[in-house]
Amino acid sequence: MSIEIKAEKISKAYSNSKKYALHDFDFYAKEGTVTAVIGQNGAGKSTLFKILSGTIYCDEGDLSVCGKSDLNAIRSVCSYVPETLDYTKNFTVTEELYFYASSFVEKNKVAEAVNKTCDFLSLNDVLDEKISSLSKGYRQRVNLAKGLCKNSDVLILDEFSSGLDTVQNLTFREKIKELAKHKILILSTHNLEEAQILCDYFYILDKGTNVFSGTKEALFNETSTENLSDAYKKIVLMD
């Protein structure tokens, strides 16, 4: 199975509207890379992520995620980690992870999946804590842990670093780099410095359309800039 995502001219209109949330969008990502999707709120990032993760169908275009096009099949190879952790009230970390993993992992492999993930994200010291009592940093670790328990080939992170302090952010960056070695990793972030450090390839969205796609070297050359923030301003804010 080829670990890559190919999307050709995908579009999605708002419900009962001819206005597009995402229009005529081409996308490609492969194993071993970190791809950034950048844009202002309402640019179409969430719609793109929902399509790529098998949450919704595109209205037009063709999509293949690791060779799969059916929504159920796409969801089986893709993990989507939202900005805010969705958890069961009064559950401990262990209860939440076991409950989530049991929906995707064979029964006899759930414990192994959870234990491996908790070791990787250093969660073992809070396993018996209620999630509601955890700090923002630990909640984000639990959020990522839920995505990792599936051991999916595709990992999509939506504003994963929101609210983290400097030390927590640096830790997460190292984890992301390690994970990307054997996965397709896609992320969105408003922290353009972070995106420049972490990412190999960039898509810039504006009003549902793709206004740039390419490496940061190509982006800097096209905009005659030396950093992602200035390049973004030239392409979107000063358009």
C-alpha atoms as a PDB file:
ATOM      1  CA  MET A   1       0.000   0.000   0.000  1.00  0.00           C
ATOM      2  CA  SER A   2       1.315   3.419  -0.968  1.00  0.00           C
ATOM      3  CA  ILE A   3       1.380   5.795   2.002  1.00  0.00           C
ATOM      4  CA  GLU A   4       0.337   8.984   0.264  1.00  0.00           C
ATOM      5  CA  ILE A   5      -2.626  11.300  -0.163  1.00  0.00           C
ATOM      6  CA  LYS A   6      -3.766  12.499  -3.568  1.00  0.00           C
ATOM      7  CA  ALA A   7      -6.596  14.968  -4.000  1.00  0.00           C
ATOM      8  CA  GLU A   8      -7.497  16.415  -7.383  1.00  0.00           C
ATOM      9  CA  LYS A   9      -9.839  19.379  -7.812  1.00  0.00           C
ATOM     10  CA  ILE A  10     -11.819  18.627  -4.657  1.00  0.00           C
ATOM     11  CA  SER A  11     -14.597  21.040  -3.719  1.00  0.00           C
ATOM     12  CA  LYS A  12     -17.133  21.343  -0.921  1.00  0.00           C
ATOM     13  CA  ALA A  13     -20.036  23.796  -0.854  1.00  0.00           C
ATOM     14  CA  TYR A  14     -21.732  25.082   2.273  1.00  0.00           C
ATOM     15  CA  SER A  15     -25.033  23.359   3.045  1.00  0.00           C
ATOM     16  CA  ASN A  16     -27.910  24.632   0.910  1.00  0.00           C
ATOM     17  CA  SER A  17     -25.600  27.139  -0.739  1.00  0.00           C
ATOM     18  CA  LYS A  18     -23.708  27.597  -3.976  1.00  0.00           C
ATOM     19  CA  LYS A  19     -20.848  29.194  -2.054  1.00  0.00           C
ATOM     20  CA  TYR A  20     -17.791  26.998  -1.651  1.00  0.00           C
ATOM     21  CA  ALA A  21     -15.983  26.328   1.621  1.00  0.00           C
ATOM     22  CA  LEU A  22     -13.260  24.675  -0.472  1.00  0.00           C
ATOM     23  CA  HIS A  23     -12.983  24.958  -4.231  1.00  0.00           C
ATOM     24  CA  ASP A  24     -10.996  23.167  -6.943  1.00  0.00           C
ATOM     25  CA  PHE A  25      -8.257  22.148  -4.513  1.00  0.00           C
ATOM     26  CA  ASP A  26      -5.301  19.895  -5.344  1.00  0.00           C
ATOM     27  CA  PHE A  27      -3.398  18.302  -2.473  1.00  0.00           C
ATOM     28  CA  TYR A  28      -0.561  15.813  -2.141  1.00  0.00           C
ATOM     29  CA  ALA A  29       1.332  14.474   0.873  1.00  0.00           C
ATOM     30  CA  LYS A  30       3.512  11.429   1.455  1.00  0.00           C
ATOM     31  CA  GLU A  31       5.072   9.400   4.244  1.00  0.00           C
ATOM     32  CA  GLY A  32       8.035  11.013   5.983  1.00  0.00           C
ATOM     33  CA  THR A  33       6.920  14.608   5.515  1.00  0.00           C
ATOM     34  CA  VAL A  34       5.241  17.277   7.621  1.00  0.00           C
ATOM     35  CA  THR A  35       2.788  19.340   5.582  1.00  0.00           C
ATOM     36  CA  ALA A  36       1.398  22.654   6.802  1.00  0.00           C
ATOM     37  CA  VAL A  37      -2.017  24.010   5.866  1.00  0.00           C
ATOM     38  CA  ILE A  38      -2.062  27.724   6.622  1.00  0.00           C
ATOM     39  CA  GLY A  39      -4.830  30.284   6.423  1.00  0.00           C
ATOM     40  CA  GLN A  40      -7.018  32.629   8.388  1.00  0.00           C
ATOM     41  CA  ASN A  41     -10.141  31.431  10.182  1.00  0.00           C
ATOM     42  CA  GLY A  42     -12.719  30.580   7.543  1.00  0.00           C
ATOM     43  CA  ALA A  43     -10.117  29.947   4.842  1.00  0.00           C
ATOM     44  CA  GLY A  44     -11.215  26.318   4.423  1.00  0.00           C
ATOM     45  CA  LYS A  45      -8.694  24.454   6.584  1.00  0.00           C
ATOM     46  CA  SER A  46     -11.274  22.609   8.684  1.00  0.00           C
ATOM     47  CA  THR A  47     -13.245  21.587   5.602  1.00  0.00           C
ATOM     48  CA  LEU A  48     -10.078  20.227   4.004  1.00  0.00           C
ATOM     49  CA  PHE A  49      -9.182  18.278   7.146  1.00  0.00           C
ATOM     50  CA  LYS A  50     -12.677  16.781   7.390  1.00  0.00           C
ATOM     51  CA  ILE A  51     -12.431  15.600   3.795  1.00  0.00           C
ATOM     52  CA  LEU A  52      -8.908  14.193   4.151  1.00  0.00           C
ATOM     53  CA  SER A  53      -9.809  12.359   7.371  1.00  0.00           C
ATOM     54  CA  GLY A  54     -12.969  10.774   5.968  1.00  0.00           C
ATOM     55  CA  THR A  55     -15.398  12.783   8.073  1.00  0.00           C
ATOM     56  CA  ILE A  56     -17.232  14.198   5.054  1.00  0.00           C
ATOM     57  CA  TYR A  57     -17.305  13.592   1.316  1.00  0.00           C
ATOM     58  CA  CYS A  58     -16.152  16.211  -1.137  1.00  0.00           C
ATOM     59  CA  ASP A  59     -18.871  17.350  -3.544  1.00  0.00           C
ATOM     60  CA  GLU A  60     -16.535  17.306  -6.524  1.00  0.00           C
ATOM     61  CA  GLY A  61     -13.120  15.917  -7.368  1.00  0.00           C
ATOM     62  CA  ASP A  62     -11.153  12.771  -6.581  1.00  0.00           C
ATOM     63  CA  LEU A  63      -9.518  11.730  -3.310  1.00  0.00           C
ATOM     64  CA  SER A  64      -7.249   8.801  -2.477  1.00  0.00           C
ATOM     65  CA  VAL A  65      -5.876   8.324   1.054  1.00  0.00           C
ATOM     66  CA  CYS A  66      -3.400   5.458   1.191  1.00  0.00           C
ATOM     67  CA  GLY A  67      -5.160   3.982  -1.823  1.00  0.00           C
ATOM     68  CA  LYS A  68      -8.635   4.289  -0.269  1.00  0.00           C
ATOM     69  CA  SER A  69     -11.549   6.477  -1.349  1.00  0.00           C
ATOM     70  CA  ASP A  70     -14.487   5.203   0.738  1.00  0.00           C
ATOM     71  CA  LEU A  71     -15.124   7.232   3.906  1.00  0.00           C
ATOM     72  CA  ASN A  72     -15.032   4.242   6.257  1.00  0.00           C
ATOM     73  CA  ALA A  73     -11.817   2.992   4.691  1.00  0.00           C
ATOM     74  CA  ILE A  74     -10.212   6.446   4.906  1.00  0.00           C
ATOM     75  CA  ARG A  75     -11.137   6.738   8.583  1.00  0.00           C
ATOM     76  CA  SER A  76      -9.427   3.413   9.243  1.00  0.00           C
ATOM     77  CA  VAL A  77      -6.034   4.784   8.123  1.00  0.00           C
ATOM     78  CA  CYS A  78      -6.373   8.362   9.344  1.00  0.00           C
ATOM     79  CA  SER A  79      -6.374  10.006  12.776  1.00  0.00           C
ATOM     80  CA  TYR A  80      -7.670  13.541  13.201  1.00  0.00           C
ATOM     81  CA  VAL A  81      -6.639  15.418  16.352  1.00  0.00           C
ATOM     82  CA  PRO A  82      -8.788  18.532  16.919  1.00  0.00           C
ATOM     83  CA  GLU A  83      -7.609  21.689  18.645  1.00  0.00           C
ATOM     84  CA  THR A  84      -9.625  20.947  21.795  1.00  0.00           C
ATOM     85  CA  LEU A  85      -9.766  17.586  23.534  1.00  0.00           C
ATOM     86  CA  ASP A  86     -13.178  15.945  23.469  1.00  0.00           C
ATOM     87  CA  TYR A  87     -13.412  13.606  26.451  1.00  0.00           C
ATOM     88  CA  THR A  88     -15.921  11.746  28.576  1.00  0.00           C
ATOM     89  CA  LYS A  89     -16.821  13.611  31.760  1.00  0.00           C
ATOM     90  CA  ASN A  90     -15.202  12.208  34.915  1.00  0.00           C
ATOM     91  CA  PHE A  91     -13.012   9.747  32.977  1.00  0.00           C
ATOM     92  CA  THR A  92      -9.401   9.278  33.971  1.00  0.00           C
ATOM     93  CA  VAL A  93      -6.668   9.319  31.358  1.00  0.00           C
ATOM     94  CA  THR A  94      -6.548   5.513  31.349  1.00  0.00           C
ATOM     95  CA  GLU A  95     -10.322   5.177  31.001  1.00  0.00           C
ATOM     96  CA  GLU A  96     -10.471   7.687  28.148  1.00  0.00           C
ATOM     97  CA  LEU A  97      -7.650   6.094  26.174  1.00  0.00           C
ATOM     98  CA  TYR A  98      -8.904   2.527  26.657  1.00  0.00           C
ATOM     99  CA  PHE A  99     -12.436   3.550  25.724  1.00  0.00           C
ATOM    100  CA  TYR A 100     -11.246   5.343  22.569  1.00  0.00           C
ATOM    101  CA  ALA A 101      -8.716   2.710  21.487  1.00  0.00           C
ATOM    102  CA  SER A 102     -11.249  -0.105  21.858  1.00  0.00           C
ATOM    103  CA  SER A 103     -13.215   1.394  18.961  1.00  0.00           C
ATOM    104  CA  PHE A 104     -10.298   1.052  16.555  1.00  0.00           C
ATOM    105  CA  VAL A 105      -7.902  -1.600  17.854  1.00  0.00           C
ATOM    106  CA  GLU A 106      -8.381  -5.352  18.219  1.00  0.00           C
ATOM    107  CA  LYS A 107      -9.427  -6.195  21.771  1.00  0.00           C
ATOM    108  CA  ASN A 108      -6.263  -8.157  22.575  1.00  0.00           C
ATOM    109  CA  LYS A 109      -4.071  -5.269  21.371  1.00  0.00           C
ATOM    110  CA  VAL A 110      -5.733  -2.327  23.142  1.00  0.00           C
ATOM    111  CA  ALA A 111      -3.517  -2.457  26.239  1.00  0.00           C
ATOM    112  CA  GLU A 112      -0.380  -2.608  24.125  1.00  0.00           C
ATOM    113  CA  ALA A 113      -1.502   0.351  21.998  1.00  0.00           C
ATOM    114  CA  VAL A 114      -2.352   2.476  25.031  1.00  0.00           C
ATOM    115  CA  ASN A 115       0.810   1.592  26.954  1.00  0.00           C
ATOM    116  CA  LYS A 116       3.054   2.289  23.984  1.00  0.00           C
ATOM    117  CA  THR A 117       1.404   5.656  23.384  1.00  0.00           C
ATOM    118  CA  CYS A 118       1.587   6.685  27.034  1.00  0.00           C
ATOM    119  CA  ASP A 119       5.279   5.814  27.146  1.00  0.00           C
ATOM    120  CA  PHE A 120       5.947   7.845  24.010  1.00  0.00           C
ATOM    121  CA  LEU A 121       4.103  10.915  25.325  1.00  0.00           C
ATOM    122  CA  SER A 122       5.229  10.586  28.974  1.00  0.00           C
ATOM    123  CA  LEU A 123       1.708  10.225  30.340  1.00  0.00           C
ATOM    124  CA  ASN A 124       2.349   7.449  32.844  1.00  0.00           C
ATOM    125  CA  ASP A 125       2.431   9.796  35.834  1.00  0.00           C
ATOM    126  CA  VAL A 126      -1.151  11.008  35.224  1.00  0.00           C
ATOM    127  CA  LEU A 127      -2.892   7.811  34.124  1.00  0.00           C
ATOM    128  CA  ASP A 128      -5.175   7.750  37.173  1.00  0.00           C
ATOM    129  CA  GLU A 129      -5.918  11.484  37.095  1.00  0.00           C
ATOM    130  CA  LYS A 130      -9.261  12.785  35.871  1.00  0.00           C
ATOM    131  CA  ILE A 131      -8.800  14.596  32.582  1.00  0.00           C
ATOM    132  CA  SER A 132     -10.803  17.547  33.897  1.00  0.00           C
ATOM    133  CA  SER A 133      -8.086  18.163  36.513  1.00  0.00           C
ATOM    134  CA  LEU A 134      -5.156  18.180  34.062  1.00  0.00           C
ATOM    135  CA  SER A 135      -3.184  21.188  32.874  1.00  0.00           C
ATOM    136  CA  LYS A 136      -3.485  22.408  29.273  1.00  0.00           C
ATOM    137  CA  GLY A 137      -0.196  20.724  28.397  1.00  0.00           C
ATOM    138  CA  TYR A 138      -1.279  17.327  29.700  1.00  0.00           C
ATOM    139  CA  ARG A 139      -4.674  17.614  28.041  1.00  0.00           C
ATOM    140  CA  GLN A 140      -2.961  18.201  24.729  1.00  0.00           C
ATOM    141  CA  ARG A 141      -0.833  15.116  25.308  1.00  0.00           C
ATOM    142  CA  VAL A 142      -3.997  13.090  25.955  1.00  0.00           C
ATOM    143  CA  ASN A 143      -5.504  14.631  22.829  1.00  0.00           C
ATOM    144  CA  LEU A 144      -2.543  13.484  20.755  1.00  0.00           C
ATOM    145  CA  ALA A 145      -2.505  10.110  22.512  1.00  0.00           C
ATOM    146  CA  LYS A 146      -6.050   9.402  21.353  1.00  0.00           C
ATOM    147  CA  GLY A 147      -4.951   9.963  17.785  1.00  0.00           C
ATOM    148  CA  LEU A 148      -1.856   7.817  18.171  1.00  0.00           C
ATOM    149  CA  CYS A 149      -3.640   4.845  19.748  1.00  0.00           C
ATOM    150  CA  LYS A 150      -5.008   3.951  16.309  1.00  0.00           C
ATOM    151  CA  ASN A 151      -1.459   3.780  14.901  1.00  0.00           C
ATOM    152  CA  SER A 152      -2.780   5.308  11.679  1.00  0.00           C
ATOM    153  CA  ASP A 153      -0.671   6.013   8.617  1.00  0.00           C
ATOM    154  CA  VAL A 154      -2.073   9.555   8.457  1.00  0.00           C
ATOM    155  CA  LEU A 155      -2.071  11.986  11.389  1.00  0.00           C
ATOM    156  CA  ILE A 156      -3.819  15.358  11.084  1.00  0.00           C
ATOM    157  CA  LEU A 157      -3.229  17.925  13.829  1.00  0.00           C
ATOM    158  CA  ASP A 158      -5.484  20.966  14.006  1.00  0.00           C
ATOM    159  CA  GLU A 159      -3.819  23.802  15.966  1.00  0.00           C
ATOM    160  CA  PHE A 160      -2.074  21.222  18.164  1.00  0.00           C
ATOM    161  CA  SER A 161       0.142  23.771  19.959  1.00  0.00           C
ATOM    162  CA  SER A 162      -2.624  26.181  20.945  1.00  0.00           C
ATOM    163  CA  GLY A 163      -2.214  27.237  24.575  1.00  0.00           C
ATOM    164  CA  LEU A 164       1.051  25.390  25.204  1.00  0.00           C
ATOM    165  CA  ASP A 165       3.932  27.107  26.963  1.00  0.00           C
ATOM    166  CA  THR A 166       7.419  27.298  25.447  1.00  0.00           C
ATOM    167  CA  VAL A 167       8.780  24.118  27.056  1.00  0.00           C
ATOM    168  CA  GLN A 168       5.674  22.092  26.204  1.00  0.00           C
ATOM    169  CA  ASN A 169       5.791  23.386  22.646  1.00  0.00           C
ATOM    170  CA  LEU A 170       9.407  22.350  22.165  1.00  0.00           C
ATOM    171  CA  THR A 171       8.602  18.873  23.500  1.00  0.00           C
ATOM    172  CA  PHE A 172       5.671  18.515  21.103  1.00  0.00           C
ATOM    173  CA  ARG A 173       7.816  19.587  18.166  1.00  0.00           C
ATOM    174  CA  GLU A 174      10.295  16.807  18.847  1.00  0.00           C
ATOM    175  CA  LYS A 175       7.488  14.267  19.093  1.00  0.00           C
ATOM    176  CA  ILE A 176       6.023  15.453  15.799  1.00  0.00           C
ATOM    177  CA  LYS A 177       9.354  15.162  14.010  1.00  0.00           C
ATOM    178  CA  GLU A 178       9.735  11.619  15.308  1.00  0.00           C
ATOM    179  CA  LEU A 179       6.205  10.619  14.324  1.00  0.00           C
ATOM    180  CA  ALA A 180       6.607  12.042  10.827  1.00  0.00           C
ATOM    181  CA  LYS A 181       9.375   9.584   9.986  1.00  0.00           C
ATOM    182  CA  HIS A 182       6.822   6.826   9.405  1.00  0.00           C
ATOM    183  CA  LYS A 183       3.561   8.691   8.787  1.00  0.00           C
ATOM    184  CA  ILE A 184       1.934  11.333   6.675  1.00  0.00           C
ATOM    185  CA  LEU A 185       1.697  14.228   9.081  1.00  0.00           C
ATOM    186  CA  ILE A 186      -0.458  17.259   8.293  1.00  0.00           C
ATOM    187  CA  LEU A 187      -0.952  20.209  10.609  1.00  0.00           C
ATOM    188  CA  SER A 188      -2.478  23.634  10.830  1.00  0.00           C
ATOM    189  CA  THR A 189      -1.120  26.369  13.055  1.00  0.00           C
ATOM    190  CA  HIS A 190      -1.355  30.128  13.423  1.00  0.00           C
ATOM    191  CA  ASN A 191       2.222  30.052  14.708  1.00  0.00           C
ATOM    192  CA  LEU A 192       4.082  30.651  11.447  1.00  0.00           C
ATOM    193  CA  GLU A 193       7.511  30.417  13.093  1.00  0.00           C
ATOM    194  CA  GLU A 194       6.576  26.956  14.307  1.00  0.00           C
ATOM    195  CA  ALA A 195       5.370  25.943  10.849  1.00  0.00           C
ATOM    196  CA  GLN A 196       8.598  27.146   9.281  1.00  0.00           C
ATOM    197  CA  ILE A 197      10.642  25.039  11.701  1.00  0.00           C
ATOM    198  CA  LEU A 198       8.559  21.878  11.466  1.00  0.00           C
ATOM    199  CA  CYS A 199       7.216  21.628   7.956  1.00  0.00           C
ATOM    200  CA  ASP A 200       8.569  20.439   4.630  1.00  0.00           C
ATOM    201  CA  TYR A 201       5.712  21.504   2.403  1.00  0.00           C
ATOM    202  CA  PHE A 202       3.139  24.302   2.580  1.00  0.00           C
ATOM    203  CA  TYR A 203      -0.386  24.949   1.385  1.00  0.00           C
ATOM    204  CA  ILE A 204      -1.751  28.453   1.861  1.00  0.00           C
ATOM    205  CA  LEU A 205      -5.527  28.756   1.735  1.00  0.00           C
ATOM    206  CA  ASP A 206      -7.548  31.913   1.243  1.00  0.00           C
ATOM    207  CA  LYS A 207     -11.334  31.980   0.953  1.00  0.00           C
ATOM    208  CA  GLY A 208     -11.462  28.294   0.122  1.00  0.00           C
ATOM    209  CA  THR A 209      -8.899  28.361  -2.648  1.00  0.00           C
ATOM    210  CA  ASN A 210      -5.264  27.348  -2.829  1.00  0.00           C
ATOM    211  CA  VAL A 211      -3.091  30.432  -3.303  1.00  0.00           C
ATOM    212  CA  PHE A 212       0.240  28.649  -2.859  1.00  0.00           C
ATOM    213  CA  SER A 213       1.607  25.126  -2.619  1.00  0.00           C
ATOM    214  CA  GLY A 214       5.249  24.147  -2.458  1.00  0.00           C
ATOM    215  CA  THR A 215       8.370  23.982  -0.336  1.00  0.00           C
ATOM    216  CA  LYS A 216       9.439  26.900   1.832  1.00  0.00           C
ATOM    217  CA  GLU A 217      12.356  27.516  -0.508  1.00  0.00           C
ATOM    218  CA  ALA A 218       9.908  27.905  -3.400  1.00  0.00           C
ATOM    219  CA  LEU A 219       7.700  30.119  -1.253  1.00  0.00           C
ATOM    220  CA  PHE A 220      10.578  32.390  -0.267  1.00  0.00           C
ATOM    221  CA  ASN A 221      11.776  32.614  -3.848  1.00  0.00           C
ATOM    222  CA  GLU A 222       8.322  33.479  -5.146  1.00  0.00           C
ATOM    223  CA  THR A 223       7.771  36.205  -2.535  1.00  0.00           C
ATOM    224  CA  SER A 224      11.395  37.437  -2.230  1.00  0.00           C
ATOM    225  CA  THR A 225      11.231  36.918   1.535  1.00  0.00           C
ATOM    226  CA  GLU A 226      13.243  35.017   4.121  1.00  0.00           C
ATOM    227  CA  ASN A 227      10.578  33.861   6.562  1.00  0.00           C
ATOM    228  CA  LEU A 228       7.093  32.389   6.466  1.00  0.00           C
ATOM    229  CA  SER A 229       5.416  35.344   8.159  1.00  0.00           C
ATOM    230  CA  ASP A 230       6.560  37.845   5.527  1.00  0.00           C
ATOM    231  CA  ALA A 231       5.781  35.408   2.725  1.00  0.00           C
ATOM    232  CA  TYR A 232       2.271  34.837   4.046  1.00  0.00           C
ATOM    233  CA  LYS A 233       1.629  38.581   4.259  1.00  0.00           C
ATOM    234  CA  LYS A 234       2.721  39.062   0.665  1.00  0.00           C
ATOM    235  CA  ILE A 235       0.549  36.273  -0.673  1.00  0.00           C
ATOM    236  CA  VAL A 236      -2.612  36.734   1.386  1.00  0.00           C
ATOM    237  CA  LEU A 237      -2.754  39.918   3.411  1.00  0.00           C
ATOM    238  CA  MET A 238      -1.438  42.204   0.714  1.00  0.00           C
ATOM    239  CA  ASP A 239      -3.167  40.539  -2.180  1.00  0.00           C
END
